[in-house]
Protein backbone atom coordinates (compact mmCIF):
# COMPACT_ATOMS: atom_id res chain seq x y z
CA MET A 1 2.58 4.91 -13.99
CA SER A 2 3.78 1.16 -13.72
CA ARG A 3 5.43 -0.40 -10.91
CA ASP A 4 8.66 -0.43 -12.91
CA ASP A 5 8.37 3.26 -13.17
CA GLU A 6 7.85 3.49 -9.42
CA TYR A 7 11.02 1.67 -8.57
CA ASP A 8 12.87 3.71 -11.03
CA TYR A 9 11.82 7.15 -9.72
CA LEU A 10 12.37 6.00 -6.28
CA PHE A 11 15.93 4.67 -7.07
CA LYS A 12 16.60 8.20 -8.63
CA GLY A 13 15.39 10.04 -5.62
CA ILE A 14 12.25 11.32 -7.43
CA LEU A 15 9.07 10.05 -5.61
CA PRO A 16 5.84 9.49 -7.62
CA GLU A 17 2.41 10.04 -6.22
CA TRP A 18 0.94 6.86 -4.57
CA ARG A 19 -2.55 6.02 -4.83
CA VAL A 20 -4.15 4.66 -1.80
CA VAL A 21 -7.87 3.75 -2.18
CA LEU A 22 -10.38 3.64 0.82
CA ILE A 23 -12.87 0.88 0.28
CA GLY A 24 -15.91 -0.45 2.45
CA ASP A 25 -19.57 -0.15 2.75
CA SER A 26 -21.34 3.30 2.35
CA GLY A 27 -21.65 4.94 5.66
CA VAL A 28 -18.50 3.40 7.44
CA GLY A 29 -16.72 6.72 7.59
CA LYS A 30 -14.40 6.57 4.46
CA THR A 31 -15.04 10.19 3.48
CA ASN A 32 -14.11 11.47 7.00
CA LEU A 33 -10.97 9.28 7.30
CA LEU A 34 -9.97 11.16 4.10
CA SER A 35 -10.67 14.47 5.33
CA ARG A 36 -9.39 13.89 8.82
CA PHE A 37 -5.93 12.74 7.34
CA THR A 38 -5.52 15.30 4.48
CA ARG A 39 -7.04 18.26 5.88
CA ASN A 40 -7.58 17.58 9.78
CA GLU A 41 -11.55 18.09 9.25
CA PHE A 42 -14.45 16.02 10.22
CA ASN A 43 -18.03 16.50 9.07
CA LEU A 44 -20.91 14.95 11.18
CA GLU A 45 -23.28 15.85 8.00
CA SER A 46 -21.01 14.15 5.39
CA LYS A 47 -22.98 12.66 2.65
CA SER A 48 -22.44 9.36 0.62
CA THR A 49 -19.69 9.77 -1.77
CA ILE A 50 -20.78 9.84 -5.48
CA GLY A 51 -18.36 7.90 -7.73
CA VAL A 52 -14.88 8.78 -6.53
CA GLU A 53 -13.03 11.64 -4.67
CA PHE A 54 -9.51 12.31 -3.83
CA ALA A 55 -7.19 14.22 -2.04
CA THR A 56 -3.33 14.50 -1.61
CA ARG A 57 -0.99 14.80 1.25
CA SER A 58 2.82 14.71 1.51
CA VAL A 59 4.27 12.65 4.38
CA GLN A 60 7.72 11.92 5.58
CA VAL A 61 8.88 8.06 5.47
CA ASP A 62 12.19 7.08 6.27
CA ASN A 63 13.20 10.65 5.76
CA LYS A 64 11.89 10.67 2.23
CA THR A 65 9.11 12.62 1.14
CA VAL A 66 6.13 10.63 -0.12
CA LYS A 67 3.24 12.28 -1.92
CA ALA A 68 0.00 9.94 -1.34
CA GLN A 69 -3.03 10.27 -3.30
CA ILE A 70 -5.96 9.24 -1.13
CA TRP A 71 -9.14 8.06 -3.20
CA ASP A 72 -12.38 7.82 -1.55
CA THR A 73 -14.56 5.51 -3.44
CA ALA A 74 -18.37 5.11 -3.34
CA GLY A 75 -19.62 2.12 -1.10
CA GLN A 76 -23.09 2.05 -3.01
CA GLU A 77 -23.65 -1.13 -5.06
CA ARG A 78 -24.69 1.19 -8.26
CA TYR A 79 -21.16 2.90 -8.27
CA ARG A 80 -19.19 -0.29 -8.25
CA ALA A 81 -18.71 -0.51 -12.00
CA ILE A 82 -17.12 2.98 -11.95
CA THR A 83 -14.85 2.46 -8.82
CA SER A 84 -13.58 -0.84 -9.67
CA ALA A 85 -11.63 0.65 -12.66
CA TYR A 86 -9.61 2.86 -10.09
CA TYR A 87 -8.13 -0.21 -8.33
CA ARG A 88 -5.83 -0.95 -11.05
CA GLY A 89 -3.39 1.93 -10.14
CA ALA A 90 -3.55 1.54 -6.47
CA VAL A 91 -0.49 0.28 -4.45
CA GLY A 92 -2.52 0.49 -1.26
CA ALA A 93 -5.97 0.02 0.19
CA LEU A 94 -7.86 0.70 3.52
CA LEU A 95 -10.55 -1.65 3.84
CA VAL A 96 -12.82 -0.03 6.25
CA TYR A 97 -15.90 -1.19 8.30
CA ASP A 98 -17.95 0.19 11.24
CA ILE A 99 -17.16 -1.57 14.42
CA ALA A 100 -20.83 -0.78 15.67
CA LYS A 101 -22.29 -2.19 12.48
CA TYR A 102 -21.68 -6.10 12.17
CA ALA A 103 -23.08 -6.15 8.61
CA THR A 104 -20.22 -3.74 7.17
CA TYR A 105 -17.90 -6.34 8.78
CA GLU A 106 -19.39 -9.20 7.24
CA ASN A 107 -19.22 -7.63 3.81
CA VAL A 108 -15.30 -7.24 4.29
CA MET A 109 -14.71 -10.40 2.55
CA ARG A 110 -16.58 -9.35 -0.60
CA TRP A 111 -14.72 -6.19 -0.92
CA LEU A 112 -11.49 -8.05 -0.45
CA LYS A 113 -12.52 -10.30 -3.22
CA GLU A 114 -13.16 -7.50 -5.46
CA LEU A 115 -9.98 -5.84 -4.62
CA ARG A 116 -7.78 -8.68 -5.27
CA ASP A 117 -9.84 -9.17 -8.54
CA HIS A 118 -9.01 -5.78 -9.87
CA ALA A 119 -5.88 -4.60 -8.31
CA ASP A 120 -2.18 -5.29 -8.51
CA SER A 121 -1.47 -8.69 -6.64
CA ASN A 122 1.12 -6.93 -4.62
CA ILE A 123 -1.04 -4.09 -3.33
CA VAL A 124 -0.69 -3.43 0.45
CA VAL A 125 -4.15 -3.96 2.33
CA MET A 126 -4.83 -2.82 5.74
CA LEU A 127 -8.07 -3.82 7.53
CA VAL A 128 -9.56 -0.67 9.56
CA GLY A 129 -12.17 -0.69 12.11
CA ASN A 130 -13.39 2.81 12.06
CA LYS A 131 -15.69 4.53 14.82
CA SER A 132 -13.74 3.13 17.82
CA ASP A 133 -15.48 6.15 19.58
CA LEU A 134 -18.54 4.24 19.56
CA ARG A 135 -17.09 1.42 21.87
CA HIS A 136 -20.24 1.36 23.83
CA LEU A 137 -22.09 0.25 20.61
CA ARG A 138 -19.30 -2.20 19.56
CA SER A 139 -20.67 -5.26 17.69
CA VAL A 140 -17.32 -6.38 16.15
CA PRO A 141 -14.95 -7.69 18.65
CA THR A 142 -11.41 -6.57 18.08
CA GLU A 143 -9.90 -10.07 18.40
CA ASP A 144 -12.20 -11.38 15.62
CA ALA A 145 -11.19 -8.70 13.29
CA LYS A 146 -7.37 -9.15 14.12
CA GLN A 147 -7.83 -12.84 13.42
CA PHE A 148 -9.53 -12.23 10.15
CA ALA A 149 -6.73 -9.79 9.14
CA ALA A 150 -4.01 -12.29 10.11
CA ASP A 151 -5.68 -15.14 8.38
CA ASN A 152 -5.96 -13.15 5.13
CA GLY A 153 -2.24 -11.38 5.24
CA LEU A 154 -3.64 -7.93 6.14
CA SER A 155 -2.28 -5.39 8.65
CA PHE A 156 -5.00 -4.21 10.94
CA ILE A 157 -5.93 -1.03 13.01
CA GLU A 158 -8.88 0.54 14.91
CA THR A 159 -9.48 4.24 14.07
CA SER A 160 -11.91 7.00 14.86
CA ALA A 161 -12.31 9.96 12.24
CA LEU A 162 -14.28 11.71 14.85
CA ASP A 163 -11.70 11.99 17.60
CA SER A 164 -8.76 11.56 15.03
CA SER A 165 -7.35 8.51 17.07
CA ASN A 166 -4.95 6.15 15.03
CA VAL A 167 -5.89 8.09 11.66
CA GLU A 168 -2.45 9.49 11.15
CA LEU A 169 -0.71 6.18 12.53
CA ALA A 170 -2.90 4.08 10.07
CA PHE A 171 -1.92 6.03 7.01
CA GLN A 172 1.74 6.52 8.24
CA ARG A 173 2.06 2.53 8.55
CA ILE A 174 0.54 1.60 5.10
CA LEU A 175 2.73 4.47 3.22
CA THR A 176 5.76 3.11 5.31
CA GLU A 177 5.05 -0.46 4.13
CA ILE A 178 4.53 0.65 0.49
CA TYR A 179 7.79 2.74 0.51
CA ARG A 180 9.70 -0.28 1.83
CA ILE A 181 8.40 -2.69 -0.67
CA VAL A 182 8.89 -0.21 -3.54
CA SER A 183 12.57 0.74 -2.27
CA ASN A 184 13.59 -2.90 -1.95
CA LYS A 185 12.30 -3.51 -5.52
CA ALA A 186 14.29 -0.52 -6.53
CA LEU A 187 17.46 -2.02 -4.93
CA GLU A 188 16.91 -5.39 -6.69
CA SER A 189 16.36 -3.73 -10.01
CA SER A 190 19.68 -1.81 -9.66
CA ASN A 191 21.63 -4.94 -8.61
CA ASP A 192 20.35 -6.94 -11.52
CA GLY A 193 21.85 -4.13 -13.79
CA ILE A 194 25.24 -4.58 -12.35
CA ARG A 195 26.69 -7.76 -13.56
CA PRO A 196 30.29 -8.95 -14.12
CA THR A 197 31.48 -8.96 -17.91
CA ALA A 198 32.24 -12.17 -19.32
CA GLY A 199 35.83 -13.12 -18.77
CA GLN A 200 38.39 -13.24 -21.64
CA THR A 201 40.79 -16.46 -21.46
CA ILE A 202 44.54 -15.49 -22.17
CA THR A 203 46.88 -18.24 -23.06
CA VAL A 204 50.17 -18.00 -21.75
CA THR A 205 52.97 -19.58 -23.57
CA GLN A 206 56.21 -20.47 -21.91
CA PRO A 207 59.48 -19.15 -23.53
CA ALA A 208 61.41 -22.01 -25.52
CA GLU A 209 64.52 -21.22 -23.63
CA GLU A 210 62.74 -22.21 -20.40
CA GLN A 211 60.98 -25.26 -21.99
CA LYS A 212 64.37 -26.84 -22.84
CA GLN A 213 66.03 -26.14 -19.57
CA GLY A 214 63.24 -27.64 -17.46
CA GLY A 215 63.43 -28.51 -13.70
CA CYS A 216 62.04 -26.48 -10.89
CA CYS A 217 61.69 -22.70 -10.67
């Protein structure tokens, strides 16, 4: 579905499904973020995703029901050619790293470049520092990540799929931002369709009798 279709559907009160992709290195917790948000589940034995998996959940945004398709993309290099095709339909992305593994944070820029190469230029992106429950093993300072997000026009949050902290908030925030962008576009589109008609010039001729009399009225 194109963005124009999304604006049109939204303006008519029929909300489409919005695809939000989870991207980042293998092992940062993308699969558990997906399962925590969509099913309120967490699996310590979660295995690496092969290709792409997705789940859906409907949420309330500004008193509207939004149906989100959350796509969990494989982080391993060998699946990159498969997953890059899925970026093109996404309206949002959670760019995830592990706060206890600095290498996963270093790779965020590479993931961001790949996203911007393949996704819509207006995609909403949130930087997510996952596994905040491992604060005693932290290797990525929160302030560094905040600054990186600010420098690159991203929103930022730290989450824990294990104890569920901020997981709901992260998805709610990104879906709210997507909703407001789409609804503003819908409003602009509707306003563009309401234009004044071209005026018609009417010539008024003064009666001959009045022309002869002259003088002030």
